[in-house]
Full PDB file with SEQRES, HELIX, SHEET, SSBOND, CRYST1, ORIGX, SCALE, CONECT and MASTER records, all heavy atoms in Angstrom:
SEQRES   1 A   42  PRO VAL ASN GLN VAL GLU GLU ASN HIS GLU ASP ASN LYS          
SEQRES   2 A   42  PRO LYS LYS GLU LYS LYS SER LYS ASN LYS ASN ASP ASP          
SEQRES   3 A   42  GLY ASP GLU THR LYS PRO SER LYS LEU LYS GLU THR ILE          
SEQRES   4 A   42  ASP PHE PHE                                                  
HELIX    1 AA1 VAL A    2  ASN A   12  1                                  11    
HELIX    2 AA2 LYS A   34  PHE A   41  1                                   8    
CRYST1    1.000    1.000    1.000  90.00  90.00  90.00 P 1           1          
ORIGX1      1.000000  0.000000  0.000000        0.00000                         
ORIGX2      0.000000  1.000000  0.000000        0.00000                         
ORIGX3      0.000000  0.000000  1.000000        0.00000                         
SCALE1      1.000000  0.000000  0.000000        0.00000                         
SCALE2      0.000000  1.000000  0.000000        0.00000                         
SCALE3      0.000000  0.000000  1.000000        0.00000                         
ATOM      1  N   PRO A   1       0.823  -1.202   0.012  1.00  0.00           N  
ATOM      2  CA  PRO A   1      -0.020   0.015   0.006  1.00  0.00           C  
ATOM      3  C   PRO A   1       0.855   1.269   0.025  1.00  0.00           C  
ATOM      4  O   PRO A   1       1.932   1.278   0.571  1.00  0.00           O  
ATOM      5  CB  PRO A   1      -0.788  -0.148   1.287  1.00  0.00           C  
ATOM      6  CG  PRO A   1      -0.784  -1.567   1.606  1.00  0.00           C  
ATOM      7  CD  PRO A   1       0.537  -2.104   1.109  1.00  0.00           C  
ATOM      8  N   VAL A   2       0.360   2.331  -0.713  1.00  0.00           N  
ATOM      9  CA  VAL A   2       1.134   3.528  -0.851  1.00  0.00           C  
ATOM     10  C   VAL A   2       1.442   4.175   0.495  1.00  0.00           C  
ATOM     11  O   VAL A   2       2.559   4.602   0.710  1.00  0.00           O  
ATOM     12  CB  VAL A   2       0.340   4.556  -1.740  1.00  0.00           C  
ATOM     13  CG1 VAL A   2       1.080   5.911  -1.789  1.00  0.00           C  
ATOM     14  CG2 VAL A   2       0.106   3.968  -3.098  1.00  0.00           C  
ATOM     15  N   ASN A   3       0.447   4.224   1.420  1.00  0.00           N  
ATOM     16  CA  ASN A   3       0.652   4.898   2.707  1.00  0.00           C  
ATOM     17  C   ASN A   3       1.759   4.164   3.513  1.00  0.00           C  
ATOM     18  O   ASN A   3       2.508   4.780   4.214  1.00  0.00           O  
ATOM     19  CB  ASN A   3      -0.642   4.991   3.483  1.00  0.00           C  
ATOM     20  CG  ASN A   3      -1.268   3.661   3.742  1.00  0.00           C  
ATOM     21  OD1 ASN A   3      -0.870   2.627   3.186  1.00  0.00           O  
ATOM     22  ND2 ASN A   3      -2.280   3.649   4.584  1.00  0.00           N  
ATOM     23  N   GLN A   4       1.835   2.834   3.350  1.00  0.00           N  
ATOM     24  CA  GLN A   4       2.864   2.089   4.066  1.00  0.00           C  
ATOM     25  C   GLN A   4       4.250   2.380   3.520  1.00  0.00           C  
ATOM     26  O   GLN A   4       5.211   2.524   4.261  1.00  0.00           O  
ATOM     27  CB  GLN A   4       2.561   0.602   4.052  1.00  0.00           C  
ATOM     28  CG  GLN A   4       3.579  -0.260   4.827  1.00  0.00           C  
ATOM     29  CD  GLN A   4       3.203  -1.718   4.825  1.00  0.00           C  
ATOM     30  OE1 GLN A   4       2.121  -2.121   4.357  1.00  0.00           O  
ATOM     31  NE2 GLN A   4       4.182  -2.531   5.243  1.00  0.00           N  
ATOM     32  N   VAL A   5       4.303   2.587   2.207  1.00  0.00           N  
ATOM     33  CA  VAL A   5       5.547   2.875   1.566  1.00  0.00           C  
ATOM     34  C   VAL A   5       6.062   4.245   2.009  1.00  0.00           C  
ATOM     35  O   VAL A   5       7.209   4.473   2.356  1.00  0.00           O  
ATOM     36  CB  VAL A   5       5.436   2.892   0.012  1.00  0.00           C  
ATOM     37  CG1 VAL A   5       6.703   3.396  -0.600  1.00  0.00           C  
ATOM     38  CG2 VAL A   5       5.110   1.508  -0.485  1.00  0.00           C  
ATOM     39  N   GLU A   6       5.140   5.210   2.091  1.00  0.00           N  
ATOM     40  CA  GLU A   6       5.477   6.511   2.584  1.00  0.00           C  
ATOM     41  C   GLU A   6       5.948   6.533   4.029  1.00  0.00           C  
ATOM     42  O   GLU A   6       6.924   7.236   4.361  1.00  0.00           O  
ATOM     43  CB  GLU A   6       4.289   7.480   2.404  1.00  0.00           C  
ATOM     44  CG  GLU A   6       3.947   7.772   0.909  1.00  0.00           C  
ATOM     45  CD  GLU A   6       2.695   8.641   0.832  1.00  0.00           C  
ATOM     46  OE1 GLU A   6       2.019   8.883   1.820  1.00  0.00           O  
ATOM     47  OE2 GLU A   6       2.466   9.128  -0.294  1.00  0.00           O  
ATOM     48  N   GLU A   7       5.266   5.696   4.859  1.00  0.00           N  
ATOM     49  CA  GLU A   7       5.650   5.666   6.241  1.00  0.00           C  
ATOM     50  C   GLU A   7       7.078   5.091   6.368  1.00  0.00           C  
ATOM     51  O   GLU A   7       7.883   5.531   7.173  1.00  0.00           O  
ATOM     52  CB  GLU A   7       4.657   4.820   7.044  1.00  0.00           C  
ATOM     53  CG  GLU A   7       3.347   5.507   7.216  1.00  0.00           C  
ATOM     54  CD  GLU A   7       2.316   4.568   7.919  1.00  0.00           C  
ATOM     55  OE1 GLU A   7       2.737   3.404   8.220  1.00  0.00           O  
ATOM     56  OE2 GLU A   7       1.202   4.998   8.160  1.00  0.00           O  
ATOM     57  N   ASN A   8       7.373   4.059   5.593  1.00  0.00           N  
ATOM     58  CA  ASN A   8       8.694   3.416   5.662  1.00  0.00           C  
ATOM     59  C   ASN A   8       9.735   4.401   5.224  1.00  0.00           C  
ATOM     60  O   ASN A   8      10.854   4.427   5.715  1.00  0.00           O  
ATOM     61  CB  ASN A   8       8.727   2.160   4.824  1.00  0.00           C  
ATOM     62  CG  ASN A   8       7.838   1.032   5.375  1.00  0.00           C  
ATOM     63  OD1 ASN A   8       7.632   1.004   6.573  1.00  0.00           O  
ATOM     64  ND2 ASN A   8       7.410   0.105   4.534  1.00  0.00           N  
ATOM     65  N   HIS A   9       9.366   5.211   4.157  1.00  0.00           N  
ATOM     66  CA  HIS A   9      10.303   6.172   3.664  1.00  0.00           C  
ATOM     67  C   HIS A   9      10.587   7.285   4.678  1.00  0.00           C  
ATOM     68  O   HIS A   9      11.732   7.667   4.845  1.00  0.00           O  
ATOM     69  CB  HIS A   9       9.672   6.850   2.361  1.00  0.00           C  
ATOM     70  CG  HIS A   9      10.565   7.877   1.783  1.00  0.00           C  
ATOM     71  ND1 HIS A   9      11.788   7.605   1.213  1.00  0.00           N  
ATOM     72  CD2 HIS A   9      10.387   9.217   1.684  1.00  0.00           C  
ATOM     73  CE1 HIS A   9      12.343   8.696   0.775  1.00  0.00           C  
ATOM     74  NE2 HIS A   9      11.496   9.702   1.013  1.00  0.00           N  
ATOM     75  N   GLU A  10       9.547   7.697   5.343  1.00  0.00           N  
ATOM     76  CA  GLU A  10       9.778   8.635   6.426  1.00  0.00           C  
ATOM     77  C   GLU A  10      10.602   8.139   7.555  1.00  0.00           C  
ATOM     78  O   GLU A  10      11.434   8.850   8.172  1.00  0.00           O  
ATOM     79  CB  GLU A  10       8.408   9.119   6.962  1.00  0.00           C  
ATOM     80  CG  GLU A  10       7.603   9.956   6.016  1.00  0.00           C  
ATOM     81  CD  GLU A  10       8.248  11.267   5.678  1.00  0.00           C  
ATOM     82  OE1 GLU A  10       8.993  11.790   6.556  1.00  0.00           O  
ATOM     83  OE2 GLU A  10       8.033  11.786   4.574  1.00  0.00           O  
ATOM     84  N   ASP A  11      10.398   6.815   7.906  1.00  0.00           N  
ATOM     85  CA  ASP A  11      11.134   6.239   8.965  1.00  0.00           C  
ATOM     86  C   ASP A  11      12.634   6.161   8.667  1.00  0.00           C  
ATOM     87  O   ASP A  11      13.448   6.181   9.577  1.00  0.00           O  
ATOM     88  CB  ASP A  11      10.643   4.779   9.269  1.00  0.00           C  
ATOM     89  CG  ASP A  11       9.258   4.849   9.877  1.00  0.00           C  
ATOM     90  OD1 ASP A  11       8.854   5.911  10.396  1.00  0.00           O  
ATOM     91  OD2 ASP A  11       8.494   3.842   9.806  1.00  0.00           O  
ATOM     92  N   ASN A  12      12.909   6.085   7.360  1.00  0.00           N  
ATOM     93  CA  ASN A  12      14.365   5.949   6.980  1.00  0.00           C  
ATOM     94  C   ASN A  12      15.033   7.246   6.959  1.00  0.00           C  
ATOM     95  O   ASN A  12      16.294   7.336   6.792  1.00  0.00           O  
ATOM     96  CB  ASN A  12      14.445   5.290   5.595  1.00  0.00           C  
ATOM     97  CG  ASN A  12      14.020   3.825   5.628  1.00  0.00           C  
ATOM     98  OD1 ASN A  12      14.156   3.157   6.674  1.00  0.00           O  
ATOM     99  ND2 ASN A  12      13.474   3.304   4.522  1.00  0.00           N  
ATOM    100  N   LYS A  13      14.318   8.390   7.013  1.00  0.00           N  
ATOM    101  CA  LYS A  13      14.945   9.671   6.985  1.00  0.00           C  
ATOM    102  C   LYS A  13      15.549  10.007   8.306  1.00  0.00           C  
ATOM    103  O   LYS A  13      14.982   9.674   9.363  1.00  0.00           O  
ATOM    104  CB  LYS A  13      13.861  10.801   6.657  1.00  0.00           C  
ATOM    105  CG  LYS A  13      13.454  10.806   5.227  1.00  0.00           C  
ATOM    106  CD  LYS A  13      12.511  12.033   5.028  1.00  0.00           C  
ATOM    107  CE  LYS A  13      12.121  12.177   3.536  1.00  0.00           C  
ATOM    108  NZ  LYS A  13      11.278  13.297   3.356  1.00  0.00           N  
ATOM    109  N   PRO A  14      16.686  10.629   8.262  1.00  0.00           N  
ATOM    110  CA  PRO A  14      17.250  11.058   9.592  1.00  0.00           C  
ATOM    111  C   PRO A  14      16.460  12.095  10.241  1.00  0.00           C  
ATOM    112  O   PRO A  14      15.996  13.087   9.602  1.00  0.00           O  
ATOM    113  CB  PRO A  14      18.653  11.633   9.168  1.00  0.00           C  
ATOM    114  CG  PRO A  14      18.506  12.006   7.709  1.00  0.00           C  
ATOM    115  CD  PRO A  14      17.482  11.032   7.127  1.00  0.00           C  
ATOM    116  N   LYS A  15      16.154  11.956  11.491  1.00  0.00           N  
ATOM    117  CA  LYS A  15      15.287  12.905  12.185  1.00  0.00           C  
ATOM    118  C   LYS A  15      16.139  14.043  12.742  1.00  0.00           C  
ATOM    119  O   LYS A  15      17.208  13.838  13.259  1.00  0.00           O  
ATOM    120  CB  LYS A  15      14.594  12.137  13.422  1.00  0.00           C  
ATOM    121  CG  LYS A  15      13.625  11.091  12.970  1.00  0.00           C  
ATOM    122  CD  LYS A  15      12.945  10.514  14.174  1.00  0.00           C  
ATOM    123  CE  LYS A  15      11.893   9.437  13.731  1.00  0.00           C  
ATOM    124  NZ  LYS A  15      11.239   8.872  14.904  1.00  0.00           N  
ATOM    125  N   LYS A  16      15.548  15.223  12.471  1.00  0.00           N  
ATOM    126  CA  LYS A  16      16.226  16.425  13.017  1.00  0.00           C  
ATOM    127  C   LYS A  16      15.765  16.689  14.416  1.00  0.00           C  
ATOM    128  O   LYS A  16      14.614  16.633  14.774  1.00  0.00           O  
ATOM    129  CB  LYS A  16      15.804  17.654  12.103  1.00  0.00           C  
ATOM    130  CG  LYS A  16      16.346  17.536  10.698  1.00  0.00           C  
ATOM    131  CD  LYS A  16      16.038  18.811   9.904  1.00  0.00           C  
ATOM    132  CE  LYS A  16      16.558  18.746   8.550  1.00  0.00           C  
ATOM    133  NZ  LYS A  16      16.201  19.971   7.744  1.00  0.00           N  
ATOM    134  N   GLU A  17      16.690  17.041  15.216  1.00  0.00           N  
ATOM    135  CA  GLU A  17      16.391  17.360  16.603  1.00  0.00           C  
ATOM    136  C   GLU A  17      15.779  18.775  16.692  1.00  0.00           C  
ATOM    137  O   GLU A  17      16.293  19.738  16.187  1.00  0.00           O  
ATOM    138  CB  GLU A  17      17.674  17.342  17.422  1.00  0.00           C  
ATOM    139  CG  GLU A  17      17.443  17.575  18.872  1.00  0.00           C  
ATOM    140  CD  GLU A  17      18.717  17.532  19.684  1.00  0.00           C  
ATOM    141  OE1 GLU A  17      19.793  17.140  19.085  1.00  0.00           O  
ATOM    142  OE2 GLU A  17      18.675  17.854  20.889  1.00  0.00           O  
ATOM    143  N   LYS A  18      14.590  18.837  17.279  1.00  0.00           N  
ATOM    144  CA  LYS A  18      13.892  20.052  17.457  1.00  0.00           C  
ATOM    145  C   LYS A  18      14.430  20.788  18.701  1.00  0.00           C  
ATOM    146  O   LYS A  18      14.597  20.197  19.771  1.00  0.00           O  
ATOM    147  CB  LYS A  18      12.361  19.831  17.668  1.00  0.00           C  
ATOM    148  CG  LYS A  18      11.729  19.287  16.394  1.00  0.00           C  
ATOM    149  CD  LYS A  18      10.253  19.149  16.616  1.00  0.00           C  
ATOM    150  CE  LYS A  18       9.563  18.652  15.340  1.00  0.00           C  
ATOM    151  NZ  LYS A  18       8.135  18.520  15.582  1.00  0.00           N  
ATOM    152  N   LYS A  19      14.729  22.064  18.459  1.00  0.00           N  
ATOM    153  CA  LYS A  19      15.249  22.890  19.570  1.00  0.00           C  
ATOM    154  C   LYS A  19      14.037  23.500  20.322  1.00  0.00           C  
ATOM    155  O   LYS A  19      13.157  24.049  19.703  1.00  0.00           O  
ATOM    156  CB  LYS A  19      16.139  23.951  19.058  1.00  0.00           C  
ATOM    157  CG  LYS A  19      17.483  23.470  18.571  1.00  0.00           C  
ATOM    158  CD  LYS A  19      18.452  24.604  18.240  1.00  0.00           C  
ATOM    159  CE  LYS A  19      19.811  24.108  17.843  1.00  0.00           C  
ATOM    160  NZ  LYS A  19      20.729  25.236  17.599  1.00  0.00           N  
ATOM    161  N   SER A  20      14.114  23.313  21.532  1.00  0.00           N  
ATOM    162  CA  SER A  20      13.011  23.922  22.381  1.00  0.00           C  
ATOM    163  C   SER A  20      13.230  25.407  22.428  1.00  0.00           C  
ATOM    164  O   SER A  20      14.386  25.938  22.591  1.00  0.00           O  
ATOM    165  CB  SER A  20      13.034  23.336  23.762  1.00  0.00           C  
ATOM    166  OG  SER A  20      12.218  24.011  24.610  1.00  0.00           O  
ATOM    167  N   LYS A  21      12.158  26.147  22.277  1.00  0.00           N  
ATOM    168  CA  LYS A  21      12.186  27.619  22.411  1.00  0.00           C  
ATOM    169  C   LYS A  21      12.659  28.064  23.775  1.00  0.00           C  
ATOM    170  O   LYS A  21      13.125  29.163  23.940  1.00  0.00           O  
ATOM    171  CB  LYS A  21      10.850  28.236  22.062  1.00  0.00           C  
ATOM    172  CG  LYS A  21      10.452  28.035  20.622  1.00  0.00           C  
ATOM    173  CD  LYS A  21       9.157  28.756  20.345  1.00  0.00           C  
ATOM    174  CE  LYS A  21       8.762  28.590  18.900  1.00  0.00           C  
ATOM    175  NZ  LYS A  21       7.465  29.256  18.574  1.00  0.00           N  
ATOM    176  N   ASN A  22      12.414  27.191  24.722  1.00  0.00           N  
ATOM    177  CA  ASN A  22      12.740  27.507  26.122  1.00  0.00           C  
ATOM    178  C   ASN A  22      14.068  26.982  26.587  1.00  0.00           C  
ATOM    179  O   ASN A  22      14.324  26.904  27.748  1.00  0.00           O  
ATOM    180  CB  ASN A  22      11.631  27.014  27.013  1.00  0.00           C  
ATOM    181  CG  ASN A  22      10.304  27.741  26.819  1.00  0.00           C  
ATOM    182  OD1 ASN A  22      10.277  28.950  26.466  1.00  0.00           O  
ATOM    183  ND2 ASN A  22       9.233  27.070  27.014  1.00  0.00           N  
ATOM    184  N   LYS A  23      14.880  26.510  25.572  1.00  0.00           N  
ATOM    185  CA  LYS A  23      16.179  25.951  25.941  1.00  0.00           C  
ATOM    186  C   LYS A  23      17.274  26.741  25.267  1.00  0.00           C  
ATOM    187  O   LYS A  23      17.128  27.179  24.093  1.00  0.00           O  
ATOM    188  CB  LYS A  23      16.262  24.474  25.563  1.00  0.00           C  
ATOM    189  CG  LYS A  23      15.382  23.572  26.331  1.00  0.00           C  
ATOM    190  CD  LYS A  23      15.606  22.125  26.026  1.00  0.00           C  
ATOM    191  CE  LYS A  23      14.746  21.163  26.849  1.00  0.00           C  
ATOM    192  NZ  LYS A  23      14.992  19.771  26.494  1.00  0.00           N  
ATOM    193  N   ASN A  24      18.374  26.886  25.946  1.00  0.00           N  
ATOM    194  CA  ASN A  24      19.505  27.563  25.380  1.00  0.00           C  
ATOM    195  C   ASN A  24      20.362  26.512  24.647  1.00  0.00           C  
ATOM    196  O   ASN A  24      20.061  25.360  24.532  1.00  0.00           O  
ATOM    197  CB  ASN A  24      20.282  28.342  26.356  1.00  0.00           C  
ATOM    198  CG  ASN A  24      20.732  27.450  27.572  1.00  0.00           C  
ATOM    199  OD1 ASN A  24      20.825  26.255  27.427  1.00  0.00           O  
ATOM    200  ND2 ASN A  24      20.945  28.080  28.700  1.00  0.00           N  
ATOM    201  N   ASP A  25      21.584  26.956  24.149  1.00  0.00           N  
ATOM    202  CA  ASP A  25      22.436  26.047  23.436  1.00  0.00           C  
ATOM    203  C   ASP A  25      22.977  24.843  24.270  1.00  0.00           C  
ATOM    204  O   ASP A  25      23.348  23.840  23.746  1.00  0.00           O  
ATOM    205  CB  ASP A  25      23.659  26.806  22.829  1.00  0.00           C  
ATOM    206  CG  ASP A  25      23.187  27.804  21.808  1.00  0.00           C  
ATOM    207  OD1 ASP A  25      22.080  27.632  21.247  1.00  0.00           O  
ATOM    208  OD2 ASP A  25      23.939  28.812  21.561  1.00  0.00           O  
ATOM    209  N   ASP A  26      22.989  25.048  25.509  1.00  0.00           N  
ATOM    210  CA  ASP A  26      23.462  24.005  26.412  1.00  0.00           C  
ATOM    211  C   ASP A  26      22.416  23.043  26.858  1.00  0.00           C  
ATOM    212  O   ASP A  26      22.633  22.156  27.627  1.00  0.00           O  
ATOM    213  CB  ASP A  26      24.125  24.630  27.673  1.00  0.00           C  
ATOM    214  CG  ASP A  26      25.338  25.471  27.309  1.00  0.00           C  
ATOM    215  OD1 ASP A  26      26.038  25.125  26.299  1.00  0.00           O  
ATOM    216  OD2 ASP A  26      25.567  26.452  28.026  1.00  0.00           O  
ATOM    217  N   GLY A  27      21.132  23.324  26.373  1.00  0.00           N  
ATOM    218  CA  GLY A  27      20.069  22.448  26.782  1.00  0.00           C  
ATOM    219  C   GLY A  27      19.356  22.811  28.032  1.00  0.00           C  
ATOM    220  O   GLY A  27      18.410  22.153  28.446  1.00  0.00           O  
ATOM    221  N   ASP A  28      19.803  23.911  28.682  1.00  0.00           N  
ATOM    222  CA  ASP A  28      19.125  24.326  29.901  1.00  0.00           C  
ATOM    223  C   ASP A  28      17.882  25.143  29.602  1.00  0.00           C  
ATOM    224  O   ASP A  28      17.926  25.999  28.640  1.00  0.00           O  
ATOM    225  CB  ASP A  28      20.061  25.177  30.726  1.00  0.00           C  
ATOM    226  CG  ASP A  28      21.294  24.361  31.172  1.00  0.00           C  
ATOM    227  OD1 ASP A  28      21.128  23.178  31.319  1.00  0.00           O  
ATOM    228  OD2 ASP A  28      22.407  25.006  31.289  1.00  0.00           O  
ATOM    229  N   GLU A  29      16.841  24.897  30.311  1.00  0.00           N  
ATOM    230  CA  GLU A  29      15.648  25.670  30.079  1.00  0.00           C  
ATOM    231  C   GLU A  29      15.790  27.042  30.647  1.00  0.00           C  
ATOM    232  O   GLU A  29      16.389  27.259  31.704  1.00  0.00           O  
ATOM    233  CB  GLU A  29      14.429  25.002  30.809  1.00  0.00           C  
ATOM    234  CG  GLU A  29      14.073  23.646  30.229  1.00  0.00           C  
ATOM    235  CD  GLU A  29      12.774  23.153  30.837  1.00  0.00           C  
ATOM    236  OE1 GLU A  29      12.213  23.813  31.704  1.00  0.00           O  
ATOM    237  OE2 GLU A  29      12.351  22.054  30.383  1.00  0.00           O  
ATOM    238  N   THR A  30      15.308  28.097  29.835  1.00  0.00           N  
ATOM    239  CA  THR A  30      15.417  29.513  30.252  1.00  0.00           C  
ATOM    240  C   THR A  30      14.055  30.080  30.566  1.00  0.00           C  
ATOM    241  O   THR A  30      13.120  29.817  29.826  1.00  0.00           O  
ATOM    242  CB  THR A  30      16.090  30.297  29.125  1.00  0.00           C  
ATOM    243  OG1 THR A  30      15.306  30.201  27.913  1.00  0.00           O  
ATOM    244  CG2 THR A  30      17.473  29.800  28.859  1.00  0.00           C  
ATOM    245  N   LYS A  31      13.970  30.829  31.592  1.00  0.00           N  
ATOM    246  CA  LYS A  31      12.693  31.450  31.960  1.00  0.00           C  
ATOM    247  C   LYS A  31      12.552  32.766  31.238  1.00  0.00           C  
ATOM    248  O   LYS A  31      13.572  33.462  30.979  1.00  0.00           O  
ATOM    249  CB  LYS A  31      12.632  31.679  33.540  1.00  0.00           C  
ATOM    250  CG  LYS A  31      12.641  30.385  34.247  1.00  0.00           C  
ATOM    251  CD  LYS A  31      12.511  30.699  35.742  1.00  0.00           C  
ATOM    252  CE  LYS A  31      12.530  29.352  36.584  1.00  0.00           C  
ATOM    253  NZ  LYS A  31      12.463  29.602  37.993  1.00  0.00           N  
ATOM    254  N   PRO A  32      11.284  33.192  30.914  1.00  0.00           N  
ATOM    255  CA  PRO A  32      11.126  34.537  30.272  1.00  0.00           C  
ATOM    256  C   PRO A  32      11.680  35.669  31.170  1.00  0.00           C  
ATOM    257  O   PRO A  32      11.628  35.613  32.402  1.00  0.00           O  
ATOM    258  CB  PRO A  32       9.571  34.673  30.188  1.00  0.00           C  
ATOM    259  CG  PRO A  32       9.097  33.286  30.242  1.00  0.00           C  
ATOM    260  CD  PRO A  32      10.059  32.517  31.098  1.00  0.00           C  
ATOM    261  N   SER A  33      12.248  36.661  30.507  1.00  0.00           N  
ATOM    262  CA  SER A  33      12.856  37.796  31.194  1.00  0.00           C  
ATOM    263  C   SER A  33      11.801  38.525  32.075  1.00  0.00           C  
ATOM    264  O   SER A  33      10.794  38.981  31.537  1.00  0.00           O  
ATOM    265  CB  SER A  33      13.500  38.718  30.283  1.00  0.00           C  
ATOM    266  OG  SER A  33      13.920  39.935  30.933  1.00  0.00           O  
ATOM    267  N   LYS A  34      12.073  38.618  33.349  1.00  0.00           N  
ATOM    268  CA  LYS A  34      11.171  39.343  34.228  1.00  0.00           C  
ATOM    269  C   LYS A  34      11.158  40.802  33.899  1.00  0.00           C  
ATOM    270  O   LYS A  34      10.099  41.513  33.944  1.00  0.00           O  
ATOM    271  CB  LYS A  34      11.531  39.170  35.712  1.00  0.00           C  
ATOM    272  CG  LYS A  34      11.420  37.708  36.223  1.00  0.00           C  
ATOM    273  CD  LYS A  34       9.925  37.368  36.242  1.00  0.00           C  
ATOM    274  CE  LYS A  34       9.760  35.973  36.870  1.00  0.00           C  
ATOM    275  NZ  LYS A  34       8.325  35.605  36.923  1.00  0.00           N  
ATOM    276  N   LEU A  35      12.289  41.343  33.502  1.00  0.00           N  
ATOM    277  CA  LEU A  35      12.410  42.732  33.141  1.00  0.00           C  
ATOM    278  C   LEU A  35      11.542  43.085  31.939  1.00  0.00           C  
ATOM    279  O   LEU A  35      10.809  44.096  31.941  1.00  0.00           O  
ATOM    280  CB  LEU A  35      13.883  43.124  32.873  1.00  0.00           C  
ATOM    281  CG  LEU A  35      14.076  44.552  32.413  1.00  0.00           C  
ATOM    282  CD1 LEU A  35      13.643  45.540  33.480  1.00  0.00           C  
ATOM    283  CD2 LEU A  35      15.598  44.792  32.087  1.00  0.00           C  
ATOM    284  N   LYS A  36      11.614  42.145  30.932  1.00  0.00           N  
ATOM    285  CA  LYS A  36      10.776  42.360  29.690  1.00  0.00           C  
ATOM    286  C   LYS A  36       9.310  42.267  30.032  1.00  0.00           C  
ATOM    287  O   LYS A  36       8.490  43.110  29.568  1.00  0.00           O  
ATOM    288  CB  LYS A  36      11.160  41.327  28.700  1.00  0.00           C  
ATOM    289  CG  LYS A  36      10.439  41.594  27.309  1.00  0.00           C  
ATOM    290  CD  LYS A  36      10.900  40.544  26.355  1.00  0.00           C  
ATOM    291  CE  LYS A  36      10.257  40.801  24.959  1.00  0.00           C  
ATOM    292  NZ  LYS A  36       8.774  40.841  25.004  1.00  0.00           N  
ATOM    293  N   GLU A  37       8.892  41.350  30.879  1.00  0.00           N  
ATOM    294  CA  GLU A  37       7.513  41.243  31.279  1.00  0.00           C  
ATOM    295  C   GLU A  37       7.096  42.517  31.941  1.00  0.00           C  
ATOM    296  O   GLU A  37       5.914  42.990  31.702  1.00  0.00           O  
ATOM    297  CB  GLU A  37       7.295  40.017  32.200  1.00  0.00           C  
ATOM    298  CG  GLU A  37       7.440  38.675  31.468  1.00  0.00           C  
ATOM    299  CD  GLU A  37       7.114  37.550  32.400  1.00  0.00           C  
ATOM    300  OE1 GLU A  37       6.965  37.811  33.587  1.00  0.00           O  
ATOM    301  OE2 GLU A  37       7.152  36.395  31.954  1.00  0.00           O  
ATOM    302  N   THR A  38       7.873  43.012  32.822  1.00  0.00           N  
ATOM    303  CA  THR A  38       7.549  44.288  33.552  1.00  0.00           C  
ATOM    304  C   THR A  38       7.396  45.439  32.652  1.00  0.00           C  
ATOM    305  O   THR A  38       6.482  46.227  32.729  1.00  0.00           O  
ATOM    306  CB  THR A  38       8.594  44.574  34.639  1.00  0.00           C  
ATOM    307  OG1 THR A  38       8.756  43.462  35.517  1.00  0.00           O  
ATOM    308  CG2 THR A  38       8.204  45.825  35.434  1.00  0.00           C  
ATOM    309  N   ILE A  39       8.326  45.574  31.667  1.00  0.00           N  
ATOM    310  CA  ILE A  39       8.290  46.665  30.737  1.00  0.00           C  
ATOM    311  C   ILE A  39       7.031  46.536  29.842  1.00  0.00           C  
ATOM    312  O   ILE A  39       6.355  47.553  29.599  1.00  0.00           O  
ATOM    313  CB  ILE A  39       9.512  46.648  29.830  1.00  0.00           C  
ATOM    314  CG1 ILE A  39      10.779  47.015  30.682  1.00  0.00           C  
ATOM    315  CG2 ILE A  39       9.396  47.641  28.703  1.00  0.00           C  
ATOM    316  CD1 ILE A  39      12.102  46.922  29.905  1.00  0.00           C  
ATOM    317  N   ASP A  40       6.736  45.324  29.394  1.00  0.00           N  
ATOM    318  CA  ASP A  40       5.512  45.114  28.509  1.00  0.00           C  
ATOM    319  C   ASP A  40       4.242  45.492  29.288  1.00  0.00           C  
ATOM    320  O   ASP A  40       3.308  45.963  28.661  1.00  0.00           O  
ATOM    321  CB  ASP A  40       5.467  43.674  28.064  1.00  0.00           C  
ATOM    322  CG  ASP A  40       6.569  43.379  27.051  1.00  0.00           C  
ATOM    323  OD1 ASP A  40       7.127  44.329  26.495  1.00  0.00           O  
ATOM    324  OD2 ASP A  40       6.837  42.181  26.817  1.00  0.00           O  
ATOM    325  N   PHE A  41       4.278  45.277  30.617  1.00  0.00           N  
ATOM    326  CA  PHE A  41       3.050  45.548  31.394  1.00  0.00           C  
ATOM    327  C   PHE A  41       2.888  47.037  31.645  1.00  0.00           C  
ATOM    328  O   PHE A  41       1.760  47.605  31.487  1.00  0.00           O  
ATOM    329  CB  PHE A  41       3.115  44.790  32.757  1.00  0.00           C  
ATOM    330  CG  PHE A  41       1.982  45.097  33.669  1.00  0.00           C  
ATOM    331  CD1 PHE A  41       0.733  44.430  33.453  1.00  0.00           C  
ATOM    332  CD2 PHE A  41       2.100  45.980  34.689  1.00  0.00           C  
ATOM    333  CE1 PHE A  41      -0.353  44.698  34.292  1.00  0.00           C  
ATOM    334  CE2 PHE A  41       0.993  46.257  35.553  1.00  0.00           C  
ATOM    335  CZ  PHE A  41      -0.196  45.556  35.372  1.00  0.00           C  
ATOM    336  N   PHE A  42       3.970  47.729  32.032  1.00  0.00           N  
ATOM    337  CA  PHE A  42       3.856  49.072  32.446  1.00  0.00           C  
ATOM    338  C   PHE A  42       3.961  50.093  31.246  1.00  0.00           C  
ATOM    339  O   PHE A  42       3.460  51.285  31.431  1.00  0.00           O  
ATOM    340  CB  PHE A  42       4.923  49.465  33.484  1.00  0.00           C  
ATOM    341  CG  PHE A  42       4.676  48.913  34.837  1.00  0.00           C  
ATOM    342  CD1 PHE A  42       5.308  47.835  35.331  1.00  0.00           C  
ATOM    343  CD2 PHE A  42       3.660  49.515  35.609  1.00  0.00           C  
ATOM    344  CE1 PHE A  42       5.062  47.332  36.572  1.00  0.00           C  
ATOM    345  CE2 PHE A  42       3.424  49.062  36.897  1.00  0.00           C  
ATOM    346  CZ  PHE A  42       4.052  47.938  37.365  1.00  0.00           C  
TER     347      PHE A  42                                                      
MASTER        0    0    0    2    0    0    0    6  346    1    0    4          
END                                                                             
């Protein structure tokens, strides 16, 4: 079946690692800047 062929083809592709928006280059999670939040509010 066509869909099975496509699935197998996708499985054979190298998966790209998704970078988390909340992580820095070292993999540590970063919290939103409190200063920026304060400025945006006031």
